C-alpha cells in the first residue's frame, strides 16, 4: 500500500503572494479575506511622462471582485400535488 504524500503547494505566479515562500515559510491567506465571488489580482505596466518629457514605467497591482461562483447546473427535485382521480 502506497502512503499518500501531502499535496504540493501551489507556487505563485507573481511576487505578490511570495512573502516568506523562498525562506520555506508557508503563506496563508485567511478565508475571510476572499469573498465568495472570488478576487482577481491584476498586474499592469503603467507609463507616465515626466517633467522633462522622459517616460517612467512601473508595475502596478490592483485587485477586483472575481467573476462569481460557478454554476454546475444542478437542479433539485420538486414535489407537485397531483389531483386525485375521481
PDB file of N, CA and C in Angstrom:
ATOM      1  N   UNK A   1       0.831  -1.164   0.000  1.00  0.00           N
ATOM      2  CA  UNK A   1       0.000   0.000   0.000  1.00  0.00           C
ATOM      3  C   UNK A   1       0.889   1.244   0.000  1.00  0.00           C
ATOM      4  N   UNK A   2       0.630   2.163  -0.911  1.00  0.00           N
ATOM      5  CA  UNK A   2       1.433   3.375  -1.020  1.00  0.00           C
ATOM      6  C   UNK A   2       0.897   4.452  -0.084  1.00  0.00           C
ATOM      7  N   UNK A   3       1.758   5.044   0.730  1.00  0.00           N
ATOM      8  CA  UNK A   3       1.278   6.150   1.568  1.00  0.00           C
ATOM      9  C   UNK A   3       0.981   7.361   0.690  1.00  0.00           C
ATOM     10  N   UNK A   4      -0.034   8.089   1.082  1.00  0.00           N
ATOM     11  CA  UNK A   4      -0.418   9.276   0.317  1.00  0.00           C
ATOM     12  C   UNK A   4       0.477  10.429   0.739  1.00  0.00           C
ATOM     13  N   UNK A   5       1.132  11.027  -0.225  1.00  0.00           N
ATOM     14  CA  UNK A   5       2.004  12.158   0.093  1.00  0.00           C
ATOM     15  C   UNK A   5       1.169  13.435   0.186  1.00  0.00           C
ATOM     16  N   UNK A   6       1.615  14.388   0.996  1.00  0.00           N
ATOM     17  CA  UNK A   6       0.856  15.633   1.110  1.00  0.00           C
ATOM     18  C   UNK A   6       0.881  16.382  -0.218  1.00  0.00           C
ATOM     19  N   UNK A   7      -0.143  17.162  -0.489  1.00  0.00           N
ATOM     20  CA  UNK A   7      -0.185  17.884  -1.760  1.00  0.00           C
ATOM     21  C   UNK A   7       0.934  18.919  -1.848  1.00  0.00           C
ATOM     22  N   UNK A   8       1.426  19.131  -3.031  1.00  0.00           N
ATOM     23  CA  UNK A   8       2.474  20.135  -3.244  1.00  0.00           C
ATOM     24  C   UNK A   8       1.856  21.527  -3.178  1.00  0.00           C
ATOM     25  N   UNK A   9       2.542  22.473  -2.574  1.00  0.00           N
ATOM     26  CA  UNK A   9       1.988  23.821  -2.509  1.00  0.00           C
ATOM     27  C   UNK A   9       1.909  24.448  -3.900  1.00  0.00           C
ATOM     28  N   UNK A  10       0.939  25.281  -4.080  1.00  0.00           N
ATOM     29  CA  UNK A  10       0.778  25.989  -5.350  1.00  0.00           C
ATOM     30  C   UNK A  10       1.756  27.154  -5.359  1.00  0.00           C
ATOM     31  N   UNK A  11       2.590  27.206  -6.350  1.00  0.00           N
ATOM     32  CA  UNK A  11       3.584  28.269  -6.452  1.00  0.00           C
ATOM     33  C   UNK A  11       2.933  29.510  -7.047  1.00  0.00           C
ATOM     34  N   UNK A  12       3.128  30.673  -6.450  1.00  0.00           N
ATOM     35  CA  UNK A  12       2.535  31.888  -7.006  1.00  0.00           C
ATOM     36  C   UNK A  12       3.204  32.281  -8.315  1.00  0.00           C
ATOM     37  N   UNK A  13       2.435  32.878  -9.191  1.00  0.00           N
ATOM     38  CA  UNK A  13       2.961  33.308 -10.478  1.00  0.00           C
ATOM     39  C   UNK A  13       3.600  34.686 -10.398  1.00  0.00           C
ATOM     40  N   UNK A  14       3.326  35.411  -9.317  1.00  0.00           N
ATOM     41  CA  UNK A  14       3.869  36.756  -9.152  1.00  0.00           C
ATOM     42  C   UNK A  14       4.537  36.877  -7.788  1.00  0.00           C
ATOM     43  N   UNK A  15       5.142  38.009  -7.532  1.00  0.00           N
ATOM     44  CA  UNK A  15       5.787  38.267  -6.245  1.00  0.00           C
ATOM     45  C   UNK A  15       4.793  38.715  -5.184  1.00  0.00           C
ATOM     46  N   UNK A  16       3.548  38.978  -5.545  1.00  0.00           N
ATOM     47  CA  UNK A  16       2.579  39.494  -4.586  1.00  0.00           C
ATOM     48  C   UNK A  16       2.305  38.520  -3.442  1.00  0.00           C
ATOM     49  N   UNK A  17       2.275  37.247  -3.721  1.00  0.00           N
ATOM     50  CA  UNK A  17       1.989  36.250  -2.695  1.00  0.00           C
ATOM     51  C   UNK A  17       3.218  35.408  -2.355  1.00  0.00           C
ATOM     52  N   UNK A  18       4.379  35.962  -2.581  1.00  0.00           N
ATOM     53  CA  UNK A  18       5.612  35.227  -2.370  1.00  0.00           C
ATOM     54  C   UNK A  18       6.241  35.492  -1.014  1.00  0.00           C
ATOM     55  N   UNK A  19       5.589  36.206  -0.146  1.00  0.00           N
ATOM     56  CA  UNK A  19       6.141  36.591   1.146  1.00  0.00           C
ATOM     57  C   UNK A  19       6.531  35.347   1.944  1.00  0.00           C
ATOM     58  N   UNK A  20       7.814  35.199   2.244  1.00  0.00           N
ATOM     59  CA  UNK A  20       8.297  34.081   3.041  1.00  0.00           C
ATOM     60  C   UNK A  20       8.422  32.765   2.306  1.00  0.00           C
ATOM     61  N   UNK A  21       7.993  32.695   1.062  1.00  0.00           N
ATOM     62  CA  UNK A  21       8.000  31.417   0.341  1.00  0.00           C
ATOM     63  C   UNK A  21       9.418  30.926   0.083  1.00  0.00           C
ATOM     64  N   UNK A  22      10.319  31.826  -0.289  1.00  0.00           N
ATOM     65  CA  UNK A  22      11.693  31.414  -0.574  1.00  0.00           C
ATOM     66  C   UNK A  22      12.428  30.962   0.686  1.00  0.00           C
ATOM     67  N   UNK A  23      11.966  31.416   1.858  1.00  0.00           N
ATOM     68  CA  UNK A  23      12.571  31.003   3.122  1.00  0.00           C
ATOM     69  C   UNK A  23      11.955  29.708   3.639  1.00  0.00           C
ATOM     70  N   UNK A  24      11.067  29.115   2.868  1.00  0.00           N
ATOM     71  CA  UNK A  24      10.435  27.868   3.269  1.00  0.00           C
ATOM     72  C   UNK A  24       9.236  28.040   4.173  1.00  0.00           C
ATOM     73  N   UNK A  25       8.782  29.275   4.361  1.00  0.00           N
ATOM     74  CA  UNK A  25       7.614  29.526   5.194  1.00  0.00           C
ATOM     75  C   UNK A  25       6.363  29.529   4.334  1.00  0.00           C
ATOM     76  N   UNK A  26       5.292  28.908   4.793  1.00  0.00           N
ATOM     77  CA  UNK A  26       4.044  28.931   4.015  1.00  0.00           C
ATOM     78  C   UNK A  26       3.384  30.303   4.105  1.00  0.00           C
ATOM     79  N   UNK A  27       2.642  30.639   3.088  1.00  0.00           N
ATOM     80  CA  UNK A  27       1.883  31.891   3.073  1.00  0.00           C
ATOM     81  C   UNK A  27       0.414  31.525   3.188  1.00  0.00           C
ATOM     82  N   UNK A  28      -0.209  31.975   4.243  1.00  0.00           N
ATOM     83  CA  UNK A  28      -1.617  31.669   4.463  1.00  0.00           C
ATOM     84  C   UNK A  28      -2.462  32.894   4.170  1.00  0.00           C
ATOM     85  N   UNK A  29      -3.528  32.690   3.473  1.00  0.00           N
ATOM     86  CA  UNK A  29      -4.494  33.737   3.189  1.00  0.00           C
ATOM     87  C   UNK A  29      -5.781  33.343   3.901  1.00  0.00           C
ATOM     88  N   UNK A  30      -6.198  34.116   4.914  1.00  0.00           N
ATOM     89  CA  UNK A  30      -7.406  33.749   5.655  1.00  0.00           C
ATOM     90  C   UNK A  30      -8.640  33.688   4.745  1.00  0.00           C
ATOM     91  N   UNK A  31      -9.504  32.720   5.007  1.00  0.00           N
ATOM     92  CA  UNK A  31     -10.703  32.541   4.193  1.00  0.00           C
ATOM     93  C   UNK A  31     -11.557  33.797   4.142  1.00  0.00           C
ATOM     94  N   UNK A  32     -11.619  34.538   5.254  1.00  0.00           N
ATOM     95  CA  UNK A  32     -12.485  35.713   5.286  1.00  0.00           C
ATOM     96  C   UNK A  32     -11.954  36.859   4.424  1.00  0.00           C
ATOM     97  N   UNK A  33     -10.725  36.745   3.939  1.00  0.00           N
ATOM     98  CA  UNK A  33     -10.163  37.784   3.074  1.00  0.00           C
ATOM     99  C   UNK A  33     -10.636  37.629   1.623  1.00  0.00           C
ATOM    100  N   UNK A  34     -11.143  36.467   1.279  1.00  0.00           N
ATOM    101  CA  UNK A  34     -11.564  36.221  -0.100  1.00  0.00           C
ATOM    102  C   UNK A  34     -13.079  36.067  -0.120  1.00  0.00           C
ATOM    103  N   UNK A  35     -13.795  36.956  -0.838  1.00  0.00           N
ATOM    104  CA  UNK A  35     -15.251  36.830  -0.892  1.00  0.00           C
ATOM    105  C   UNK A  35     -15.675  35.606  -1.701  1.00  0.00           C
ATOM    106  N   UNK A  36     -16.929  35.232  -1.562  1.00  0.00           N
ATOM    107  CA  UNK A  36     -17.446  34.064  -2.287  1.00  0.00           C
ATOM    108  C   UNK A  36     -17.342  34.227  -3.790  1.00  0.00           C
ATOM    109  N   UNK A  37     -17.399  35.454  -4.266  1.00  0.00           N
ATOM    110  CA  UNK A  37     -17.303  35.688  -5.704  1.00  0.00           C
ATOM    111  C   UNK A  37     -15.869  35.618  -6.204  1.00  0.00           C
ATOM    112  N   UNK A  38     -14.910  35.512  -5.283  1.00  0.00           N
ATOM    113  CA  UNK A  38     -13.504  35.413  -5.670  1.00  0.00           C
ATOM    114  C   UNK A  38     -12.854  36.778  -5.782  1.00  0.00           C
ATOM    115  N   UNK A  39     -11.577  36.786  -6.020  1.00  0.00           N
ATOM    116  CA  UNK A  39     -10.802  38.008  -6.188  1.00  0.00           C
ATOM    117  C   UNK A  39      -9.822  37.804  -7.320  1.00  0.00           C
ATOM    118  N   UNK A  40      -9.707  38.802  -8.159  1.00  0.00           N
ATOM    119  CA  UNK A  40      -8.710  38.792  -9.228  1.00  0.00           C
ATOM    120  C   UNK A  40      -7.669  39.835  -8.895  1.00  0.00           C
ATOM    121  N   UNK A  41      -6.421  39.489  -9.007  1.00  0.00           N
ATOM    122  CA  UNK A  41      -5.323  40.429  -8.793  1.00  0.00           C
ATOM    123  C   UNK A  41      -4.651  40.637 -10.139  1.00  0.00           C
ATOM    124  N   UNK A  42      -4.595  41.875 -10.559  1.00  0.00           N
ATOM    125  CA  UNK A  42      -4.031  42.207 -11.863  1.00  0.00           C
ATOM    126  C   UNK A  42      -2.737  42.984 -11.680  1.00  0.00           C
ATOM    127  N   UNK A  43      -1.760  42.698 -12.512  1.00  0.00           N
ATOM    128  CA  UNK A  43      -0.538  43.474 -12.561  1.00  0.00           C
ATOM    129  C   UNK A  43      -0.442  44.091 -13.942  1.00  0.00           C
ATOM    130  N   UNK A  44      -0.232  45.396 -13.970  1.00  0.00           N
ATOM    131  CA  UNK A  44      -0.234  46.126 -15.230  1.00  0.00           C
ATOM    132  C   UNK A  44       0.963  47.072 -15.243  1.00  0.00           C
ATOM    133  N   UNK A  45       1.652  47.156 -16.357  1.00  0.00           N
ATOM    134  CA  UNK A  45       2.703  48.151 -16.510  1.00  0.00           C
ATOM    135  C   UNK A  45       2.047  49.491 -16.799  1.00  0.00           C
ATOM    136  N   UNK A  46       2.405  50.517 -16.027  1.00  0.00           N
ATOM    137  CA  UNK A  46       1.819  51.846 -16.164  1.00  0.00           C
ATOM    138  C   UNK A  46       2.894  52.839 -16.604  1.00  0.00           C
ATOM    139  N   UNK A  47       2.700  53.509 -17.739  1.00  0.00           N
ATOM    140  CA  UNK A  47       3.651  54.542 -18.148  1.00  0.00           C
ATOM    141  C   UNK A  47       3.228  55.913 -17.609  1.00  0.00           C
ATOM    142  N   UNK A  48       4.204  56.784 -17.437  1.00  0.00           N
ATOM    143  CA  UNK A  48       3.929  58.151 -17.015  1.00  0.00           C
ATOM    144  C   UNK A  48       5.004  59.042 -17.619  1.00  0.00           C
ATOM    145  N   UNK A  49       4.584  60.155 -18.180  1.00  0.00           N
ATOM    146  CA  UNK A  49       5.530  61.113 -18.735  1.00  0.00           C
ATOM    147  C   UNK A  49       6.051  61.994 -17.609  1.00  0.00           C
ATOM    148  N   UNK A  50       7.370  62.173 -17.567  1.00  0.00           N
ATOM    149  CA  UNK A  50       7.978  63.013 -16.544  1.00  0.00           C
ATOM    150  C   UNK A  50       7.971  64.480 -16.967  1.00  0.00           C
ATOM    151  N   UNK A  51       8.482  65.317 -16.093  1.00  0.00           N
ATOM    152  CA  UNK A  51       8.521  66.754 -16.365  1.00  0.00           C
ATOM    153  C   UNK A  51       9.437  67.093 -17.531  1.00  0.00           C
ATOM    154  N   UNK A  52      10.438  66.251 -17.782  1.00  0.00           N
ATOM    155  CA  UNK A  52      11.403  66.521 -18.846  1.00  0.00           C
ATOM    156  C   UNK A  52      11.094  65.697 -20.088  1.00  0.00           C
ATOM    157  N   UNK A  53       9.843  65.312 -20.245  1.00  0.00           N
ATOM    158  CA  UNK A  53       9.375  64.507 -21.381  1.00  0.00           C
ATOM    159  C   UNK A  53       9.960  63.100 -21.370  1.00  0.00           C
ATOM    160  N   UNK A  54      10.540  62.687 -20.256  1.00  0.00           N
ATOM    161  CA  UNK A  54      11.010  61.316 -20.148  1.00  0.00           C
ATOM    162  C   UNK A  54       9.840  60.431 -19.721  1.00  0.00           C
ATOM    163  N   UNK A  55       9.925  59.172 -20.062  1.00  0.00           N
ATOM    164  CA  UNK A  55       8.843  58.241 -19.748  1.00  0.00           C
ATOM    165  C   UNK A  55       9.303  57.319 -18.627  1.00  0.00           C
ATOM    166  N   UNK A  56       8.491  57.195 -17.607  1.00  0.00           N
ATOM    167  CA  UNK A  56       8.753  56.297 -16.494  1.00  0.00           C
ATOM    168  C   UNK A  56       7.700  55.201 -16.518  1.00  0.00           C
ATOM    169  N   UNK A  57       8.119  53.974 -16.318  1.00  0.00           N
ATOM    170  CA  UNK A  57       7.192  52.838 -16.328  1.00  0.00           C
ATOM    171  C   UNK A  57       7.344  52.093 -15.011  1.00  0.00           C
ATOM    172  N   UNK A  58       6.230  51.764 -14.388  1.00  0.00           N
ATOM    173  CA  UNK A  58       6.265  50.969 -13.165  1.00  0.00           C
ATOM    174  C   UNK A  58       5.203  49.888 -13.248  1.00  0.00           C
ATOM    175  N   UNK A  59       5.353  48.914 -12.400  1.00  0.00           N
ATOM    176  CA  UNK A  59       4.417  47.800 -12.355  1.00  0.00           C
ATOM    177  C   UNK A  59       3.394  48.073 -11.267  1.00  0.00           C
ATOM    178  N   UNK A  60       2.151  48.208 -11.652  1.00  0.00           N
ATOM    179  CA  UNK A  60       1.071  48.484 -10.702  1.00  0.00           C
ATOM    180  C   UNK A  60       0.275  47.202 -10.477  1.00  0.00           C
ATOM    181  N   UNK A  61      -0.252  47.067  -9.285  1.00  0.00           N
ATOM    182  CA  UNK A  61      -1.096  45.912  -8.956  1.00  0.00           C
ATOM    183  C   UNK A  61      -2.415  46.426  -8.410  1.00  0.00           C
ATOM    184  N   UNK A  62      -3.495  45.791  -8.816  1.00  0.00           N
ATOM    185  CA  UNK A  62      -4.804  46.151  -8.279  1.00  0.00           C
ATOM    186  C   UNK A  62      -5.641  44.888  -8.180  1.00  0.00           C
ATOM    187  N   UNK A  63      -6.583  44.933  -7.254  1.00  0.00           N
ATOM    188  CA  UNK A  63      -7.462  43.780  -7.080  1.00  0.00           C
ATOM    189  C   UNK A  63      -8.885  44.189  -7.399  1.00  0.00           C
ATOM    190  N   UNK A  64      -9.642  43.235  -7.861  1.00  0.00           N
ATOM    191  CA  UNK A  64     -11.048  43.485  -8.170  1.00  0.00           C
ATOM    192  C   UNK A  64     -11.847  42.239  -7.836  1.00  0.00           C
ATOM    193  N   UNK A  65     -13.136  42.409  -7.776  1.00  0.00           N
ATOM    194  CA  UNK A  65     -14.024  41.298  -7.448  1.00  0.00           C
ATOM    195  C   UNK A  65     -13.979  40.281  -8.576  1.00  0.00           C
ATOM    196  N   UNK A  66     -13.990  39.013  -8.212  1.00  0.00           N
ATOM    197  CA  UNK A  66     -13.944  37.942  -9.203  1.00  0.00           C
ATOM    198  C   UNK A  66     -15.226  37.843 -10.009  1.00  0.00           C
ATOM    199  N   UNK A  67     -15.309  36.832 -10.822  1.00  0.00           N
ATOM    200  CA  UNK A  67     -16.454  36.658 -11.715  1.00  0.00           C
ATOM    201  C   UNK A  67     -17.624  35.950 -11.062  1.00  0.00           C
ATOM    202  N   UNK A  68     -17.493  35.575  -9.837  1.00  0.00           N
ATOM    203  CA  UNK A  68     -18.603  34.927  -9.142  1.00  0.00           C
ATOM    204  C   UNK A  68     -18.455  33.431  -9.096  1.00  0.00           C
ATOM    205  N   UNK A  69     -19.337  32.840  -8.330  1.00  0.00           N
ATOM    206  CA  UNK A  69     -19.306  31.390  -8.199  1.00  0.00           C
ATOM    207  C   UNK A  69     -19.769  30.740  -9.490  1.00  0.00           C
ATOM    208  N   UNK A  70     -19.172  29.645  -9.806  1.00  0.00           N
ATOM    209  CA  UNK A  70     -19.611  28.911 -10.980  1.00  0.00           C
ATOM    210  C   UNK A  70     -20.883  28.146 -10.675  1.00  0.00           C
ATOM    211  N   UNK A  71     -21.591  27.808 -11.700  1.00  0.00           N
ATOM    212  CA  UNK A  71     -22.804  27.028 -11.509  1.00  0.00           C
ATOM    213  C   UNK A  71     -22.627  25.667 -12.161  1.00  0.00           C
ATOM    214  N   UNK A  72     -23.085  24.657 -11.494  1.00  0.00           N
ATOM    215  CA  UNK A  72     -22.967  23.306 -12.030  1.00  0.00           C
ATOM    216  C   UNK A  72     -24.190  22.915 -12.850  1.00  0.00           C
ATOM    217  N   UNK A  73     -25.247  23.736 -12.784  1.00  0.00           N
ATOM    218  CA  UNK A  73     -26.478  23.395 -13.476  1.00  0.00           C
ATOM    219  C   UNK A  73     -27.290  22.359 -12.723  1.00  0.00           C
ATOM    220  N   UNK A  74     -26.911  22.103 -11.477  1.00  0.00           N
ATOM    221  CA  UNK A  74     -27.603  21.120 -10.666  1.00  0.00           C
ATOM    222  C   UNK A  74     -29.018  21.582 -10.373  1.00  0.00           C
ATOM    223  N   UNK A  75     -29.975  20.734 -10.607  1.00  0.00           N
ATOM    224  CA  UNK A  75     -31.367  21.052 -10.308  1.00  0.00           C
ATOM    225  C   UNK A  75     -31.862  20.174  -9.171  1.00  0.00           C
ATOM    226  N   UNK A  76     -32.898  20.594  -8.548  1.00  0.00           N
ATOM    227  CA  UNK A  76     -33.447  19.845  -7.422  1.00  0.00           C
ATOM    228  C   UNK A  76     -34.820  19.303  -7.799  1.00  0.00           C
ATOM    229  N   UNK A  77     -35.150  18.160  -7.214  1.00  0.00           N
ATOM    230  CA  UNK A  77     -36.474  17.578  -7.430  1.00  0.00           C
ATOM    231  C   UNK A  77     -37.518  18.426  -6.711  1.00  0.00           C
ATOM    232  N   UNK A  78     -38.710  18.470  -7.275  1.00  0.00           N
ATOM    233  CA  UNK A  78     -39.813  19.197  -6.642  1.00  0.00           C
ATOM    234  C   UNK A  78     -40.987  18.252  -6.466  1.00  0.00           C
ATOM    235  N   UNK A  79     -41.701  18.446  -5.382  1.00  0.00           N
ATOM    236  CA  UNK A  79     -42.931  17.689  -5.160  1.00  0.00           C
ATOM    237  C   UNK A  79     -44.094  18.542  -5.637  1.00  0.00           C
ATOM    238  N   UNK A  80     -44.907  17.969  -6.501  1.00  0.00           N
ATOM    239  CA  UNK A  80     -46.057  18.684  -7.048  1.00  0.00           C
ATOM    240  C   UNK A  80     -47.303  17.895  -6.697  1.00  0.00           C
ATOM    241  N   UNK A  81     -48.279  18.580  -6.132  1.00  0.00           N
ATOM    242  CA  UNK A  81     -49.548  17.912  -5.800  1.00  0.00           C
ATOM    243  C   UNK A  81     -50.221  17.462  -7.088  1.00  0.00           C
ATOM    244  N   UNK A  82     -50.691  16.219  -7.073  1.00  0.00           N
ATOM    245  CA  UNK A  82     -51.381  15.681  -8.229  1.00  0.00           C
ATOM    246  C   UNK A  82     -52.858  15.530  -7.821  1.00  0.00           C
ATOM    247  N   UNK A  83     -53.736  15.991  -8.672  1.00  0.00           N
ATOM    248  CA  UNK A  83     -55.160  15.874  -8.379  1.00  0.00           C
ATOM    249  C   UNK A  83     -55.560  14.408  -8.397  1.00  0.00           C
ATOM    250  N   UNK A  84     -56.333  14.032  -7.415  1.00  0.00           N
ATOM    251  CA  UNK A  84     -56.794  12.652  -7.322  1.00  0.00           C
ATOM    252  C   UNK A  84     -57.832  12.377  -8.416  1.00  0.00           C
ATOM    253  N   UNK A  85     -57.776  11.183  -8.980  1.00  0.00           N
ATOM    254  CA  UNK A  85     -58.784  10.801  -9.986  1.00  0.00           C
ATOM    255  C   UNK A  85     -60.104  10.547  -9.273  1.00  0.00           C
ATOM    256  N   UNK A  86     -61.157  11.133  -9.783  1.00  0.00           N
ATOM    257  CA  UNK A  86     -62.472  10.923  -9.181  1.00  0.00           C
ATOM    258  C   UNK A  86     -63.353  10.084 -10.032  1.00  0.00           C
TER     259      UNK A  86
END
